[in-house]
């Protein structure tokens, strides 16, 4: 009875008992009630559940205490600077577009010297000779709803406007009336919402109930990120502590919600936690050793200007931890499942044999995951790498520049944590599943106690 409380979702269970005997008088239901070898989420012994609970309950309690102590209650307010993302924006709509000569609308000025040897000079001449678009834009939200303004779009602009198109307009209250509004972006709400809907539908169709739980866990993760992690950092809390508490909360919620409250999930949680601690230690060491400030572009510079109390290097470390969490969950859950399945296939395997078999699976996982992580960071930094290529900078100069060094440290520290998570989680899972033995007190009276590989029955 107590063992049944630890079963995972039905979708992950296999009702076929591995250890059966032609002489066994018990019906299938009774064998299912006390057997320990019929599914990856099979019940575990009471003693083992107590050991796992003794580790995870204090950890979960500490996470809850951390959330309560650090809970920010909202992001602090500030006076808008009108720079970058820190601008007041409204919705707008392009109501009319007409083509005009660029020189008639003074879209660009030719340098007074007539020098076209510079890129700026050549762009100015080309803009004077082309046909510009004069778009009339109507503000559709805010206190100035219904107001119109004119936006000039040069022919070589990367973003062209069309009639009826939704746009995002920036509002500068201190500017002259004719210059208060300008188009800053296009409205992408519908295509983004449609793509999110297709993603959710695909997850539910393939994953069914597990897919639904995964989407709920994803929503909870974003809630923790937006309601706790980001506001707490803006309030001045240590980014590293906030990231550890927030990532731990996301890990507990996501893993248990998606994979059930089982011993297998608990082992994955422990493996993920140990790996996160390793990533935090290595990240802190090398970010400090390499003197990475975390303030390397316009966005981080704006954050530092608005909230000078934020530790930008700590923010960089927090990003490393949170960014590694998603891939860590995948690795630890996969390795734990591999050990459980191997144990199901051969319940007589000891912890050493289980580890050897599962680590072979883990090595393949390491190769693919590390490659994925490196390519993901390289893809994100591709424009930056292209600039270095254009400048014909040496490999050493590129790798040691702060912009690229941040990505290298982020990638390598996260990869080390991922690689370490495979043997760590495999060892934990092998020890736990091998120590899982039915206790005599839990066996019904007169029922056989399976020993070894289940080939013989003790009388």
Protein backbone atom coordinates (compact mmCIF):
# COMPACT_ATOMS: atom_id res chain seq x y z
CA UNK A 1 0.00 0.00 0.00
CA UNK A 2 2.71 2.47 0.96
CA UNK A 3 4.77 1.54 -2.09
CA UNK A 4 1.88 2.36 -4.41
CA UNK A 5 1.90 5.95 -3.23
CA UNK A 6 5.18 6.47 -5.03
CA UNK A 7 4.09 5.41 -8.48
CA UNK A 8 4.55 7.80 -11.37
CA UNK A 9 1.96 8.73 -13.99
CA UNK A 10 0.32 5.74 -15.67
CA UNK A 11 1.86 6.69 -19.01
CA UNK A 12 5.31 5.80 -17.68
CA UNK A 13 4.41 2.49 -16.05
CA UNK A 14 4.75 -0.95 -17.50
CA UNK A 15 2.35 -3.44 -15.95
CA UNK A 16 4.27 -6.51 -17.00
CA UNK A 17 5.94 -8.22 -13.98
CA UNK A 18 9.45 -9.26 -14.85
CA UNK A 19 9.73 -11.87 -12.13
CA UNK A 20 6.97 -14.41 -12.53
CA UNK A 21 6.82 -18.10 -11.87
CA UNK A 22 4.49 -20.75 -13.28
CA UNK A 23 4.01 -22.08 -9.74
CA UNK A 24 3.12 -18.68 -8.33
CA UNK A 25 -0.44 -18.78 -6.97
CA UNK A 26 -0.80 -15.04 -6.69
CA UNK A 27 -2.87 -13.25 -9.34
CA UNK A 28 -1.30 -10.48 -11.37
CA UNK A 29 -2.72 -7.75 -9.17
CA UNK A 30 -1.06 -9.06 -6.01
CA UNK A 31 2.29 -9.41 -7.71
CA UNK A 32 1.95 -5.88 -8.94
CA UNK A 33 1.32 -4.61 -5.44
CA UNK A 34 4.68 -5.61 -4.03
CA UNK A 35 6.96 -6.23 -6.99
CA UNK A 36 9.78 -3.77 -7.61
CA UNK A 37 10.62 -4.62 -11.18
CA UNK A 38 7.67 -3.73 -13.38
CA UNK A 39 8.17 -0.13 -14.46
CA UNK A 40 10.52 2.82 -14.45
CA UNK A 41 8.46 4.56 -11.78
CA UNK A 42 7.87 1.48 -9.66
CA UNK A 43 7.36 1.91 -5.91
CA UNK A 44 10.45 1.92 -3.74
CA UNK A 45 10.97 0.68 -0.24
CA UNK A 46 9.86 2.70 2.73
CA UNK A 47 13.42 3.09 4.02
CA UNK A 48 14.64 4.44 0.69
CA UNK A 49 11.76 6.93 0.52
CA UNK A 50 12.74 8.19 3.96
CA UNK A 51 16.37 8.67 2.93
CA UNK A 52 15.40 10.63 -0.20
CA UNK A 53 12.88 12.71 1.76
CA UNK A 54 15.50 13.49 4.40
CA UNK A 55 17.62 15.11 1.70
CA UNK A 56 14.99 16.80 -0.45
CA UNK A 57 12.59 18.14 2.19
CA UNK A 58 15.24 20.38 3.87
CA UNK A 59 16.35 21.52 0.40
CA UNK A 60 12.78 22.37 -0.67
CA UNK A 61 12.22 24.12 2.67
CA UNK A 62 15.35 26.21 2.17
CA UNK A 63 14.13 27.19 -1.31
CA UNK A 64 10.75 28.27 0.08
CA UNK A 65 12.46 30.30 2.82
CA UNK A 66 14.71 31.92 0.21
CA UNK A 67 11.72 32.84 -1.93
CA UNK A 68 9.95 34.36 1.06
CA UNK A 69 12.97 36.34 2.25
CA UNK A 70 14.03 37.62 -1.17
CA UNK A 71 10.56 38.14 -2.65
CA UNK A 72 10.72 41.62 -4.20
CA UNK A 73 7.08 42.62 -4.43
CA UNK A 74 7.55 44.16 -7.89
CA UNK A 75 10.25 45.93 -9.85
CA UNK A 76 11.31 49.36 -8.53
CA UNK A 77 10.16 52.36 -10.51
CA UNK A 78 12.43 54.86 -12.23
CA UNK A 79 12.23 57.90 -14.45
CA UNK A 80 12.37 56.89 -18.11
CA UNK A 81 15.50 57.90 -19.97
CA UNK A 82 14.10 57.49 -23.47
CA UNK A 83 17.11 55.37 -24.46
CA UNK A 84 16.90 51.89 -25.98
CA UNK A 85 14.21 49.76 -24.38
CA UNK A 86 13.68 52.35 -21.67
CA UNK A 87 11.18 54.32 -23.73
CA UNK A 88 7.46 54.89 -23.44
CA UNK A 89 5.78 53.10 -26.32
CA UNK A 90 2.28 52.97 -27.79
CA UNK A 91 0.58 51.02 -30.56
CA UNK A 92 0.15 52.52 -34.01
CA UNK A 93 -1.03 51.74 -37.53
CA UNK A 94 0.25 52.85 -40.93
CA UNK A 95 -2.71 54.50 -42.68
CA UNK A 96 -1.00 55.74 -45.86
CA UNK A 97 2.31 55.27 -47.72
CA UNK A 98 3.46 57.38 -50.68
CA UNK A 99 6.70 57.45 -52.63
CA UNK A 100 8.63 60.74 -52.80
CA UNK A 101 12.09 61.88 -53.84
CA UNK A 102 14.45 61.62 -50.90
CA UNK A 103 15.96 65.04 -51.66
CA UNK A 104 12.49 66.63 -51.34
CA UNK A 105 12.06 65.36 -47.79
CA UNK A 106 15.68 66.00 -46.80
CA UNK A 107 16.12 62.35 -45.78
CA UNK A 108 19.91 62.64 -45.75
CA UNK A 109 22.52 65.32 -46.09
CA UNK A 110 25.50 65.10 -48.43
CA UNK A 111 28.70 66.02 -46.56
CA UNK A 112 29.52 69.73 -47.13
CA UNK A 113 32.89 68.80 -48.62
CA UNK A 114 31.27 66.45 -51.13
CA UNK A 115 33.54 63.69 -49.85
CA UNK A 116 32.06 60.30 -50.73
CA UNK A 117 35.11 58.26 -49.77
CA UNK A 118 33.63 57.38 -46.40
CA UNK A 119 30.72 54.95 -45.87
CA UNK A 120 28.66 57.78 -44.35
CA UNK A 121 29.22 60.00 -47.36
CA UNK A 122 28.31 57.29 -49.85
CA UNK A 123 25.14 56.42 -47.90
CA UNK A 124 24.11 60.09 -47.85
CA UNK A 125 24.56 60.45 -51.62
CA UNK A 126 22.66 57.23 -52.31
CA UNK A 127 19.80 58.34 -50.06
CA UNK A 128 19.55 61.71 -51.85
CA UNK A 129 19.26 59.98 -55.21
CA UNK A 130 16.66 57.36 -54.23
CA UNK A 131 12.90 57.25 -53.67
CA UNK A 132 11.81 57.38 -50.04
CA UNK A 133 8.54 56.26 -48.48
CA UNK A 134 6.54 58.86 -46.58
CA UNK A 135 4.29 56.95 -44.19
CA UNK A 136 1.43 58.48 -42.26
CA UNK A 137 1.07 56.67 -38.95
CA UNK A 138 -1.90 56.86 -36.58
CA UNK A 139 -1.47 56.32 -32.83
CA UNK A 140 -4.01 53.70 -31.73
CA UNK A 141 -3.41 53.60 -27.96
CA UNK A 142 -2.65 55.97 -25.08
CA UNK A 143 -3.76 59.50 -24.39
CA UNK A 144 -3.01 60.66 -27.95
CA UNK A 145 -5.10 57.94 -29.61
CA UNK A 146 -6.11 59.08 -33.10
CA UNK A 147 -3.18 61.45 -33.53
CA UNK A 148 -1.14 61.07 -36.75
CA UNK A 149 2.47 61.78 -37.62
CA UNK A 150 4.75 61.29 -40.62
CA UNK A 151 7.63 58.81 -40.76
CA UNK A 152 10.22 58.97 -43.57
CA UNK A 153 11.68 55.59 -44.57
CA UNK A 154 14.82 55.59 -46.72
CA UNK A 155 15.01 53.13 -49.64
CA UNK A 156 17.88 51.14 -48.12
CA UNK A 157 16.30 50.88 -44.65
CA UNK A 158 16.14 47.26 -43.43
CA UNK A 159 12.52 47.72 -42.34
CA UNK A 160 9.99 49.06 -44.85
CA UNK A 161 6.44 50.07 -43.95
CA UNK A 162 3.24 49.10 -45.77
CA UNK A 163 -0.29 50.45 -45.57
CA UNK A 164 -2.39 48.82 -42.84
CA UNK A 165 0.65 47.50 -41.00
CA UNK A 166 0.68 47.58 -37.19
CA UNK A 167 3.68 49.31 -35.63
CA UNK A 168 5.14 50.19 -32.24
CA UNK A 169 5.75 53.90 -31.78
CA UNK A 170 8.04 55.55 -29.24
CA UNK A 171 6.82 58.61 -27.36
CA UNK A 172 9.19 61.36 -26.24
CA UNK A 173 7.16 63.87 -24.16
CA UNK A 174 10.01 66.41 -23.92
CA UNK A 175 10.54 66.63 -27.70
CA UNK A 176 8.85 69.23 -29.96
CA UNK A 177 5.27 68.24 -30.80
CA UNK A 178 6.06 67.19 -34.39
CA UNK A 179 8.90 64.94 -33.19
CA UNK A 180 7.27 63.36 -30.15
CA UNK A 181 6.29 60.16 -31.94
CA UNK A 182 8.43 57.90 -34.13
CA UNK A 183 8.18 54.33 -35.38
CA UNK A 184 10.51 52.08 -33.39
CA UNK A 185 9.37 48.60 -34.41
CA UNK A 186 6.64 46.60 -36.11
CA UNK A 187 3.79 44.86 -34.31
CA UNK A 188 4.53 41.12 -34.18
CA UNK A 189 1.88 40.04 -31.69
CA UNK A 190 -0.18 37.91 -34.09
CA UNK A 191 2.64 35.86 -35.71
CA UNK A 192 4.32 35.33 -32.35
CA UNK A 193 1.04 34.25 -30.73
CA UNK A 194 0.30 31.93 -33.66
CA UNK A 195 3.74 30.32 -33.41
CA UNK A 196 3.30 29.83 -29.66
CA UNK A 197 -0.08 28.23 -30.31
CA UNK A 198 1.40 25.82 -32.87
CA UNK A 199 4.15 24.92 -30.41
CA UNK A 200 1.66 24.25 -27.61
CA UNK A 201 -0.55 22.17 -29.92
CA UNK A 202 2.41 20.06 -31.08
CA UNK A 203 3.52 19.45 -27.49
CA UNK A 204 0.03 18.39 -26.41
CA UNK A 205 -0.61 16.18 -29.46
CA UNK A 206 2.65 14.29 -29.06
CA UNK A 207 3.13 14.43 -25.30
CA UNK A 208 -0.55 14.20 -24.32
CA UNK A 209 -0.89 14.60 -20.55
CA UNK A 210 2.87 14.86 -20.11
CA UNK A 211 2.85 17.61 -22.73
CA UNK A 212 0.14 19.50 -20.84
CA UNK A 213 2.13 19.26 -17.63
CA UNK A 214 5.27 20.40 -19.47
CA UNK A 215 3.46 23.51 -20.72
CA UNK A 216 2.19 24.27 -17.22
CA UNK A 217 5.71 23.85 -15.86
CA UNK A 218 7.00 26.19 -18.59
CA UNK A 219 4.45 28.82 -17.59
CA UNK A 220 5.45 28.46 -13.93
CA UNK A 221 9.14 28.83 -14.88
CA UNK A 222 8.44 32.08 -16.71
CA UNK A 223 6.39 33.26 -13.72
CA UNK A 224 9.30 32.62 -11.35
CA UNK A 225 11.64 34.40 -13.75
CA UNK A 226 9.47 37.49 -14.25
CA UNK A 227 7.89 37.77 -10.79
CA UNK A 228 10.87 36.79 -8.63
CA UNK A 229 14.29 36.61 -10.30
CA UNK A 230 14.23 39.81 -12.38
CA UNK A 231 12.51 42.10 -9.82
CA UNK A 232 14.67 40.77 -6.97
CA UNK A 233 17.85 41.58 -8.91
CA UNK A 234 16.51 45.07 -9.71
CA UNK A 235 15.74 45.58 -6.01
CA UNK A 236 19.45 45.11 -5.25
CA UNK A 237 19.57 41.50 -4.01
CA UNK A 238 22.69 39.49 -4.80
CA UNK A 239 22.14 38.15 -8.35
CA UNK A 240 23.94 34.88 -7.55
CA UNK A 241 21.77 34.09 -4.52
CA UNK A 242 18.62 35.09 -6.41
CA UNK A 243 19.60 32.90 -9.36
CA UNK A 244 20.34 29.88 -7.14
CA UNK A 245 17.03 30.19 -5.27
CA UNK A 246 15.02 30.89 -8.41
CA UNK A 247 16.67 28.13 -10.45
CA UNK A 248 16.13 25.67 -7.60
CA UNK A 249 12.43 26.57 -7.44
CA UNK A 250 12.09 26.16 -11.21
CA UNK A 251 13.92 22.82 -11.04
CA UNK A 252 11.71 21.41 -8.28
CA UNK A 253 8.46 22.55 -9.88
CA UNK A 254 9.33 21.54 -13.43
CA UNK A 255 10.82 18.12 -12.69
CA UNK A 256 8.19 16.94 -10.24
CA UNK A 257 5.33 18.36 -12.29
CA UNK A 258 6.53 16.77 -15.53
CA UNK A 259 7.86 13.46 -14.22
CA UNK A 260 5.91 12.79 -11.06
CA UNK A 261 6.84 12.63 -7.37
CA UNK A 262 8.97 9.51 -7.60
CA UNK A 263 12.36 8.32 -6.43
CA UNK A 264 13.60 8.50 -10.01
CA UNK A 265 12.68 12.20 -10.25
CA UNK A 266 14.23 12.86 -6.85
CA UNK A 267 17.55 11.40 -8.02
CA UNK A 268 17.41 13.66 -11.09
CA UNK A 269 16.79 16.64 -8.79
CA UNK A 270 19.82 15.76 -6.66
CA UNK A 271 22.02 15.32 -9.73
CA UNK A 272 20.86 18.67 -11.13
CA UNK A 273 21.47 20.41 -7.80
CA UNK A 274 25.04 19.09 -7.50
CA UNK A 275 25.79 20.13 -11.09
CA UNK A 276 24.35 23.61 -10.53
CA UNK A 277 26.57 24.05 -7.47
CA UNK A 278 29.59 23.06 -9.56
CA UNK A 279 28.61 25.53 -12.30
CA UNK A 280 28.18 28.28 -9.71
CA UNK A 281 31.60 27.65 -8.17
CA UNK A 282 33.43 27.44 -11.50
CA UNK A 283 31.59 30.46 -12.89
CA UNK A 284 32.36 32.57 -9.86
CA UNK A 285 36.04 31.56 -9.98
CA UNK A 286 36.65 32.21 -13.68
CA UNK A 287 34.48 35.31 -14.03
CA UNK A 288 36.51 36.90 -11.25
CA UNK A 289 39.84 35.52 -12.49
CA UNK A 290 39.22 36.73 -16.06
CA UNK A 291 38.04 40.14 -14.75
CA UNK A 292 34.74 39.97 -16.65
CA UNK A 293 32.65 42.99 -15.71
CA UNK A 294 29.38 41.86 -17.32
CA UNK A 295 28.96 45.36 -18.77
CA UNK A 296 29.83 44.87 -22.43
CA UNK A 297 27.03 46.26 -24.61
CA UNK A 298 24.39 48.97 -24.78
CA UNK A 299 21.77 46.96 -22.89
CA UNK A 300 23.99 46.08 -19.94
CA UNK A 301 25.32 49.65 -19.94
CA UNK A 302 21.75 50.97 -19.74
CA UNK A 303 20.96 48.61 -16.86
CA UNK A 304 24.06 49.73 -15.00
CA UNK A 305 23.17 53.38 -15.62
CA UNK A 306 19.62 52.98 -14.35
CA UNK A 307 20.50 50.73 -11.39
CA UNK A 308 24.16 51.33 -10.48
CA UNK A 309 23.79 49.13 -7.38
CA UNK A 310 23.43 45.95 -9.45
CA UNK A 311 26.51 43.72 -9.45
CA UNK A 312 26.96 43.22 -13.21
CA UNK A 313 29.48 40.39 -12.85
CA UNK A 314 27.06 38.68 -10.48
CA UNK A 315 24.35 39.20 -13.09
CA UNK A 316 26.58 37.46 -15.64
CA UNK A 317 27.05 34.50 -13.28
CA UNK A 318 23.30 34.34 -12.65
CA UNK A 319 22.75 34.12 -16.39
CA UNK A 320 25.22 31.23 -16.63
CA UNK A 321 23.36 29.29 -13.93
CA UNK A 322 19.87 29.89 -15.31
CA UNK A 323 20.99 29.24 -18.88
CA UNK A 324 22.47 25.86 -17.92
CA UNK A 325 19.44 24.68 -15.97
CA UNK A 326 17.27 23.69 -18.93
CA UNK A 327 19.88 21.43 -20.52
CA UNK A 328 20.86 20.02 -17.12
CA UNK A 329 17.29 18.88 -16.50
CA UNK A 330 17.31 17.00 -19.80
CA UNK A 331 20.62 15.26 -19.06
CA UNK A 332 19.84 14.22 -15.48
CA UNK A 333 16.34 12.95 -16.25
CA UNK A 334 17.64 10.96 -19.23
CA UNK A 335 20.46 9.37 -17.25
CA UNK A 336 18.21 8.49 -14.34
CA UNK A 337 15.67 6.94 -16.68
CA UNK A 338 18.43 4.94 -18.37
CA UNK A 339 19.54 3.45 -15.04
CA UNK A 340 15.97 2.61 -14.06
CA UNK A 341 15.29 0.94 -17.41
CA UNK A 342 18.50 -1.08 -17.21
CA UNK A 343 17.51 -2.22 -13.75
CA UNK A 344 14.09 -3.18 -15.07
CA UNK A 345 15.67 -5.23 -17.85
CA UNK A 346 17.99 -7.04 -15.43
CA UNK A 347 17.06 -6.60 -11.74
CA UNK A 348 20.11 -8.61 -10.71
CA UNK A 349 22.60 -6.00 -11.92
CA UNK A 350 24.61 -4.44 -9.12
CA UNK A 351 25.45 -0.73 -8.86
CA UNK A 352 28.82 -1.16 -10.61
CA UNK A 353 27.30 -2.96 -13.60
CA UNK A 354 24.45 -0.46 -13.78
CA UNK A 355 26.89 2.43 -13.78
CA UNK A 356 29.03 0.92 -16.53
CA UNK A 357 26.03 0.28 -18.76
CA UNK A 358 24.40 3.66 -18.18
CA UNK A 359 27.60 5.69 -18.55
CA UNK A 360 27.94 4.35 -22.10
CA UNK A 361 24.59 5.95 -22.86
CA UNK A 362 25.73 9.10 -21.08
CA UNK A 363 28.84 9.44 -23.21
CA UNK A 364 26.72 9.68 -26.35
CA UNK A 365 24.52 12.23 -24.59
CA UNK A 366 27.53 14.30 -23.55
CA UNK A 367 28.82 14.54 -27.11
CA UNK A 368 25.52 15.74 -28.52
CA UNK A 369 24.61 18.11 -25.68
CA UNK A 370 28.00 19.87 -25.55
CA UNK A 371 27.95 20.35 -29.30
CA UNK A 372 24.43 21.74 -29.07
CA UNK A 373 25.37 24.17 -26.31
CA UNK A 374 28.46 25.47 -28.12
CA UNK A 375 26.57 25.95 -31.38
CA UNK A 376 23.72 27.70 -29.56
CA UNK A 377 26.09 30.27 -28.04
CA UNK A 378 28.00 30.62 -31.32
CA UNK A 379 24.76 31.25 -33.18
CA UNK A 380 23.73 33.92 -30.70
CA UNK A 381 27.10 35.65 -31.04
CA UNK A 382 27.33 35.22 -34.83
CA UNK A 383 27.02 38.96 -35.69
CA UNK A 384 29.78 39.72 -33.20
CA UNK A 385 32.04 37.02 -34.64
CA UNK A 386 31.34 38.38 -38.13
CA UNK A 387 32.52 41.83 -37.07
CA UNK A 388 35.77 40.37 -35.76
CA UNK A 389 36.19 38.50 -39.04
CA UNK A 390 35.70 41.71 -41.01
CA UNK A 391 38.28 43.45 -38.85
CA UNK A 392 40.69 40.58 -39.56
CA UNK A 393 41.49 40.23 -35.88
CA UNK A 394 43.63 37.33 -34.74
CA UNK A 395 42.04 34.36 -33.00
CA UNK A 396 43.80 35.21 -29.75
CA UNK A 397 42.64 38.81 -29.81
CA UNK A 398 39.07 37.77 -30.51
CA UNK A 399 38.97 35.05 -27.85
CA UNK A 400 40.40 37.27 -25.11
CA UNK A 401 38.24 40.33 -25.83
CA UNK A 402 35.64 40.75 -23.10
CA UNK A 403 32.66 40.38 -25.42
CA UNK A 404 33.78 36.97 -26.69
CA UNK A 405 35.44 35.88 -23.43
CA UNK A 406 32.05 36.17 -21.69
CA UNK A 407 30.51 33.75 -24.17
CA UNK A 408 33.49 31.39 -23.92
CA UNK A 409 33.33 31.31 -20.12
CA UNK A 410 29.55 30.89 -20.25
CA UNK A 411 29.86 28.01 -22.72
CA UNK A 412 32.74 26.18 -21.07
CA UNK A 413 31.48 26.49 -17.49
CA UNK A 414 28.03 25.30 -18.52
CA UNK A 415 29.54 22.44 -20.54
CA UNK A 416 31.69 21.32 -17.60
CA UNK A 417 28.58 21.21 -15.43
CA UNK A 418 26.74 19.20 -18.08
CA UNK A 419 29.59 16.74 -18.46
CA UNK A 420 29.90 16.31 -14.69
CA UNK A 421 26.14 15.79 -14.32
CA UNK A 422 26.31 12.51 -16.29
CA UNK A 423 28.58 10.49 -13.95
CA UNK A 424 27.19 12.19 -10.85
CA UNK A 425 23.57 11.41 -11.70
CA UNK A 426 24.43 7.92 -12.95
CA UNK A 427 26.22 7.06 -9.70
CA UNK A 428 23.34 8.36 -7.59
CA UNK A 429 20.73 6.52 -9.66
CA UNK A 430 22.72 3.25 -9.63
CA UNK A 431 23.17 3.38 -5.85
CA UNK A 432 19.52 4.27 -5.20
CA UNK A 433 17.96 1.69 -7.50
CA UNK A 434 20.33 -1.03 -6.27
CA UNK A 435 19.56 -0.23 -2.65
CA UNK A 436 15.83 -0.48 -3.36
CA UNK A 437 14.82 -3.81 -1.88
CA UNK A 438 11.37 -4.77 -0.59
CA UNK A 439 11.29 -4.94 3.18
CA UNK A 440 9.87 -8.01 4.92
CA UNK A 441 7.35 -5.88 6.84
CA UNK A 442 5.82 -4.73 3.56
CA UNK A 443 5.26 -8.30 2.19
CA UNK A 444 1.82 -9.84 2.58
CA UNK A 445 1.67 -12.89 4.81
CA UNK A 446 2.60 -16.05 3.00
CA UNK A 447 3.81 -14.28 -0.13
CA UNK A 448 7.17 -15.18 -1.64
CA UNK A 449 10.13 -12.89 -1.29
CA UNK A 450 11.98 -12.60 -4.54
CA UNK A 451 15.71 -12.85 -4.33
CA UNK A 452 18.53 -12.44 -6.82
CA UNK A 453 17.15 -12.34 -10.34
CA UNK A 454 13.80 -13.68 -9.26
CA UNK A 455 14.52 -17.17 -10.58
CA UNK A 456 14.12 -18.91 -7.23
CA UNK A 457 11.66 -18.47 -4.44
CA UNK A 458 12.64 -18.59 -0.80
CA UNK A 459 10.42 -20.68 1.39
